[in-house]
Amino acid sequence: MDTRPPQDSKRFPRFLLDGEVVEARDATATTTLLQYLRGPLGRCGTKEGCAEGDCGACTVVVGEARDGGMRYRAVNSCIRFVPTLDGKEVVTVESLRAPDGTLHPVQQAMVEAHASQCGFCTPGFVMSLFALYLDAAEPARAGVLDALAGNLCRCTGYRPIIDAGLRMRGYPEPDRWSRADAQSPARRNALLEIQRKETLQVKGFAAPRTLNELADAYAAQPESLILAGATDIGLWVTKQLRELPPIR
């Protein structure tokens, strides 16, 4: 991790993590966020289960500045390439606990509902519920089930996990990562400060800012892959170990 101001902002993806700018100088076009979290950043709370976006053990939350506010979504970090996080915020399970050690309401609910068994999948469940916590003031059972649809519990312990999702709003609002904190102007402004106007250009990866730039780049390299969510292309890397053509 390098939090220094970028010397060449076109070459290195930047994202926010716990209020700090991470400049991923050592990430390649196909380095996954899971690899980067567990490797250079030493954040081992995020687990690798299937490496194909199916089990949810690798779930983190990604924030974007949208529509005058912030939008947060749970994503599978095992198939998300680091350059696609440029200009976004990343929240991991380590981010939730307060500096004094106080657990976030989602974590506290998991503890008090006895919702952790072997513990391997627990961080992913916590982060999926955390995304719901930021999105819904009073989540109903159906909302909790939808939020957890991408997470597998190998110990078949879903009932207490669902119970935790239903009770997590019953705790006092935390200072850190309340819904208000997530939508604070300061947080949004910090993210806007790292938004780039120029194209991000990592070897083998470019993120054009306009349709014209995309068309020009594709015309110059028609063998390029057009990347959207990486639910297929990510597996080409993690499962088939393929070398990819340039990504746009």
Protein backbone atom coordinates (compact mmCIF):
# COMPACT_ATOMS: atom_id res chain seq x y z
CA MET A 1 0.00 0.00 0.00
CA ASP A 2 1.21 3.48 -0.86
CA THR A 3 -0.73 6.46 0.50
CA ARG A 4 1.60 9.09 -0.98
CA PRO A 5 0.19 11.48 -3.58
CA PRO A 6 0.44 9.81 -7.00
CA GLN A 7 3.37 10.76 -9.19
CA ASP A 8 1.65 9.47 -12.33
CA SER A 9 -2.06 9.30 -11.65
CA LYS A 10 -2.85 7.63 -14.97
CA ARG A 11 -0.93 4.47 -14.12
CA PHE A 12 -2.11 3.45 -10.66
CA PRO A 13 -5.66 2.66 -9.48
CA ARG A 14 -6.66 4.54 -6.33
CA PHE A 15 -9.36 3.71 -3.82
CA LEU A 16 -10.32 4.70 -0.28
CA LEU A 17 -9.91 2.29 2.61
CA ASP A 18 -10.71 3.47 6.14
CA GLY A 19 -10.34 7.08 5.05
CA GLU A 20 -6.90 6.58 3.51
CA VAL A 21 -6.09 6.67 -0.19
CA VAL A 22 -4.62 3.36 -1.32
CA GLU A 23 -2.57 3.65 -4.49
CA ALA A 24 -2.26 0.15 -5.85
CA ARG A 25 1.11 0.48 -7.55
CA ASP A 26 1.80 -3.24 -7.44
CA ALA A 27 -1.55 -4.42 -8.82
CA THR A 28 -1.73 -5.81 -12.34
CA ALA A 29 -4.71 -5.63 -14.70
CA THR A 30 -6.07 -8.92 -13.31
CA THR A 31 -5.01 -8.78 -9.65
CA THR A 32 -8.19 -9.51 -7.74
CA LEU A 33 -9.27 -7.38 -4.82
CA LEU A 34 -9.19 -10.51 -2.64
CA GLN A 35 -5.54 -11.10 -3.53
CA TYR A 36 -4.67 -7.49 -2.87
CA LEU A 37 -6.47 -7.35 0.47
CA ARG A 38 -4.92 -10.56 1.78
CA GLY A 39 -1.50 -9.84 0.25
CA PRO A 40 -0.12 -6.28 0.21
CA LEU A 41 -2.77 -4.93 2.58
CA GLY A 42 -2.64 -7.81 5.06
CA ARG A 43 -6.41 -7.89 5.54
CA CYS A 44 -7.01 -11.57 6.10
CA GLY A 45 -10.55 -11.25 7.43
CA THR A 46 -11.75 -11.53 3.85
CA LYS A 47 -11.64 -15.24 2.95
CA GLU A 48 -11.22 -17.22 -0.23
CA GLY A 49 -13.74 -20.00 -0.52
CA CYS A 50 -14.62 -20.83 -4.11
CA ALA A 51 -12.68 -18.17 -6.07
CA GLU A 52 -15.58 -17.98 -8.50
CA GLY A 53 -18.07 -15.60 -6.89
CA ASP A 54 -20.45 -18.28 -5.60
CA CYS A 55 -19.91 -18.77 -1.85
CA GLY A 56 -19.67 -15.20 -0.53
CA ALA A 57 -16.77 -15.81 1.89
CA CYS A 58 -14.84 -13.03 0.12
CA THR A 59 -17.63 -10.43 0.36
CA VAL A 60 -16.64 -6.81 0.89
CA VAL A 61 -18.63 -3.62 0.43
CA VAL A 62 -17.82 -1.07 -2.26
CA GLY A 63 -19.00 2.53 -2.10
CA GLU A 64 -19.51 4.93 -5.00
CA ALA A 65 -20.53 8.57 -5.20
CA ARG A 66 -23.92 8.48 -6.92
CA ASP A 67 -26.87 10.85 -7.30
CA GLY A 68 -25.62 13.37 -4.77
CA GLY A 69 -24.92 10.75 -2.12
CA MET A 70 -23.16 7.44 -1.59
CA ARG A 71 -24.23 4.00 -2.78
CA TYR A 72 -22.85 0.88 -1.12
CA ARG A 73 -23.04 -2.65 -2.50
CA ALA A 74 -21.77 -6.05 -1.38
CA VAL A 75 -19.41 -7.53 -3.99
CA ASN A 76 -17.37 -10.70 -4.42
CA SER A 77 -13.77 -9.61 -4.09
CA CYS A 78 -12.46 -12.90 -5.51
CA ILE A 79 -13.47 -11.97 -9.08
CA ARG A 80 -13.23 -8.18 -8.85
CA PHE A 81 -10.08 -6.79 -10.48
CA VAL A 82 -8.30 -4.05 -8.52
CA PRO A 83 -8.24 -1.50 -11.39
CA THR A 84 -12.07 -1.56 -11.45
CA LEU A 85 -12.02 -0.11 -7.90
CA ASP A 86 -10.41 3.13 -9.10
CA GLY A 87 -12.21 6.10 -7.57
CA LYS A 88 -14.29 3.96 -5.20
CA GLU A 89 -14.35 3.13 -1.49
CA VAL A 90 -13.63 -0.34 -0.14
CA VAL A 91 -14.98 -1.51 3.22
CA THR A 92 -13.74 -4.77 4.75
CA VAL A 93 -14.80 -6.60 7.89
CA GLU A 94 -11.82 -5.04 9.70
CA SER A 95 -13.25 -1.60 8.92
CA LEU A 96 -16.38 -2.04 11.04
CA ARG A 97 -15.04 -2.25 14.59
CA ALA A 98 -14.62 1.09 16.33
CA PRO A 99 -11.11 2.23 17.35
CA ASP A 100 -11.87 1.40 20.99
CA GLY A 101 -12.81 -2.16 20.02
CA THR A 102 -16.59 -1.70 20.13
CA LEU A 103 -18.28 -3.98 17.64
CA HIS A 104 -20.53 -2.63 14.92
CA PRO A 105 -24.24 -3.49 15.44
CA VAL A 106 -24.05 -6.07 12.63
CA GLN A 107 -21.14 -7.79 14.37
CA GLN A 108 -22.79 -7.54 17.78
CA ALA A 109 -25.99 -9.04 16.43
CA MET A 110 -24.02 -11.96 14.96
CA VAL A 111 -22.41 -12.58 18.37
CA GLU A 112 -25.60 -12.36 20.39
CA ALA A 113 -27.59 -14.49 17.93
CA HIS A 114 -24.86 -17.18 18.10
CA ALA A 115 -24.60 -16.90 14.33
CA SER A 116 -20.93 -17.86 13.92
CA GLN A 117 -20.08 -21.55 13.81
CA CYS A 118 -16.84 -22.63 12.11
CA GLY A 119 -16.32 -18.91 11.42
CA PHE A 120 -14.85 -19.22 7.93
CA CYS A 121 -17.87 -17.75 6.16
CA THR A 122 -18.74 -15.31 8.96
CA PRO A 123 -16.91 -12.21 7.62
CA GLY A 124 -18.76 -12.57 4.31
CA PHE A 125 -22.11 -12.81 6.06
CA VAL A 126 -21.24 -9.78 8.18
CA MET A 127 -20.42 -7.72 5.10
CA SER A 128 -23.57 -8.74 3.22
CA LEU A 129 -25.65 -7.77 6.26
CA PHE A 130 -23.64 -4.56 6.60
CA ALA A 131 -24.58 -3.56 3.05
CA LEU A 132 -28.22 -4.16 3.99
CA TYR A 133 -27.74 -2.20 7.23
CA LEU A 134 -26.66 0.86 5.23
CA ASP A 135 -29.49 0.44 2.73
CA ALA A 136 -32.57 -0.35 4.81
CA ALA A 137 -33.73 1.35 8.00
CA GLU A 138 -35.80 -1.63 9.15
CA PRO A 139 -35.05 -4.68 7.00
CA ALA A 140 -37.83 -7.24 6.77
CA ARG A 141 -37.18 -10.97 6.69
CA ALA A 142 -37.49 -11.05 2.91
CA GLY A 143 -34.86 -8.31 2.64
CA VAL A 144 -32.49 -10.23 4.91
CA LEU A 145 -32.94 -13.38 2.84
CA ASP A 146 -32.25 -11.46 -0.37
CA ALA A 147 -29.12 -9.89 1.13
CA LEU A 148 -27.78 -13.31 2.15
CA ALA A 149 -28.68 -15.10 -1.07
CA GLY A 150 -25.06 -15.02 -2.25
CA ASN A 151 -23.55 -16.40 0.96
CA LEU A 152 -23.13 -20.09 1.76
CA CYS A 153 -22.91 -21.46 5.29
CA ARG A 154 -21.16 -24.81 5.19
CA CYS A 155 -22.36 -25.58 8.72
CA THR A 156 -26.03 -25.10 7.73
CA GLY A 157 -26.50 -22.42 10.38
CA TYR A 158 -28.72 -20.00 8.48
CA ARG A 159 -31.41 -19.51 11.12
CA PRO A 160 -29.25 -17.60 13.65
CA ILE A 161 -27.65 -15.61 10.81
CA ILE A 162 -31.10 -14.54 9.64
CA ASP A 163 -31.97 -13.72 13.26
CA ALA A 164 -28.89 -11.49 13.42
CA GLY A 165 -30.02 -9.67 10.27
CA LEU A 166 -33.42 -9.02 11.82
CA ARG A 167 -32.05 -7.71 15.13
CA MET A 168 -29.06 -5.64 13.90
CA ARG A 169 -31.12 -2.43 13.75
CA GLY A 170 -32.08 -2.83 17.40
CA TYR A 171 -28.77 -1.49 18.71
CA PRO A 172 -27.81 2.17 19.17
CA GLU A 173 -26.45 3.87 16.07
CA PRO A 174 -22.65 3.70 16.11
CA ASP A 175 -20.46 6.72 15.53
CA ARG A 176 -18.50 4.71 12.96
CA TRP A 177 -20.43 3.37 9.99
CA SER A 178 -23.92 4.44 10.92
CA ARG A 179 -26.19 5.17 7.96
CA ALA A 180 -25.63 8.89 8.57
CA ASP A 181 -21.85 8.44 8.68
CA ALA A 182 -21.91 6.46 5.44
CA GLN A 183 -23.78 9.31 3.72
CA SER A 184 -21.81 12.16 5.30
CA PRO A 185 -20.62 14.98 3.00
CA ALA A 186 -17.08 14.52 4.32
CA ARG A 187 -17.00 10.89 3.20
CA ARG A 188 -18.42 11.73 -0.20
CA ASN A 189 -16.02 14.65 -0.65
CA ALA A 190 -13.05 12.44 0.21
CA LEU A 191 -14.13 10.07 -2.52
CA LEU A 192 -14.70 12.84 -5.04
CA GLU A 193 -11.16 14.07 -4.44
CA ILE A 194 -9.74 10.92 -6.00
CA GLN A 195 -12.07 10.90 -9.01
CA ARG A 196 -10.01 11.17 -12.18
CA LYS A 197 -10.82 13.04 -15.36
CA GLU A 198 -8.24 11.22 -17.44
CA THR A 199 -8.22 7.57 -18.51
CA LEU A 200 -6.75 5.10 -16.04
CA GLN A 201 -4.05 3.19 -17.89
CA VAL A 202 -2.60 0.10 -16.25
CA LYS A 203 -0.64 -2.34 -18.41
CA GLY A 204 -3.31 -4.48 -20.04
CA PHE A 205 -6.17 -2.38 -18.68
CA ALA A 206 -7.69 0.99 -19.54
CA ALA A 207 -10.84 2.69 -18.28
CA PRO A 208 -11.93 5.25 -20.91
CA ARG A 209 -13.91 8.17 -19.55
CA THR A 210 -16.13 8.71 -22.60
CA LEU A 211 -17.76 6.62 -25.30
CA ASN A 212 -15.54 8.28 -27.89
CA GLU A 213 -12.42 7.29 -25.95
CA LEU A 214 -13.73 3.73 -25.67
CA ALA A 215 -14.47 3.58 -29.39
CA ASP A 216 -11.00 4.86 -30.25
CA ALA A 217 -9.33 2.39 -27.89
CA TYR A 218 -11.35 -0.52 -29.25
CA ALA A 219 -10.63 0.47 -32.84
CA ALA A 220 -6.93 0.53 -32.04
CA GLN A 221 -7.05 -2.88 -30.32
CA PRO A 222 -10.12 -4.78 -31.59
CA GLU A 223 -8.99 -7.91 -29.73
CA SER A 224 -9.72 -6.14 -26.44
CA LEU A 225 -12.20 -7.48 -23.89
CA ILE A 226 -15.05 -5.20 -22.82
CA LEU A 227 -15.31 -5.70 -19.07
CA ALA A 228 -18.52 -5.08 -17.14
CA GLY A 229 -19.02 -7.06 -13.94
CA ALA A 230 -16.31 -9.74 -14.47
CA THR A 231 -18.62 -12.60 -13.46
CA ASP A 232 -17.36 -14.49 -16.51
CA ILE A 233 -14.01 -12.85 -17.21
CA GLY A 234 -12.98 -13.09 -13.56
CA LEU A 235 -13.37 -16.89 -13.72
CA TRP A 236 -11.18 -17.04 -16.82
CA VAL A 237 -8.41 -15.75 -14.56
CA THR A 238 -9.12 -17.47 -11.24
CA LYS A 239 -10.23 -20.86 -12.60
CA GLN A 240 -8.80 -21.20 -16.11
CA LEU A 241 -5.60 -19.23 -15.41
CA ARG A 242 -5.89 -17.57 -18.79
CA GLU A 243 -3.76 -14.70 -20.01
CA LEU A 244 -6.21 -12.05 -21.12
CA PRO A 245 -6.01 -9.61 -24.02
CA PRO A 246 -6.22 -5.89 -23.20
CA ILE A 247 -9.23 -5.04 -21.01
CA ARG A 248 -11.39 -1.98 -21.58
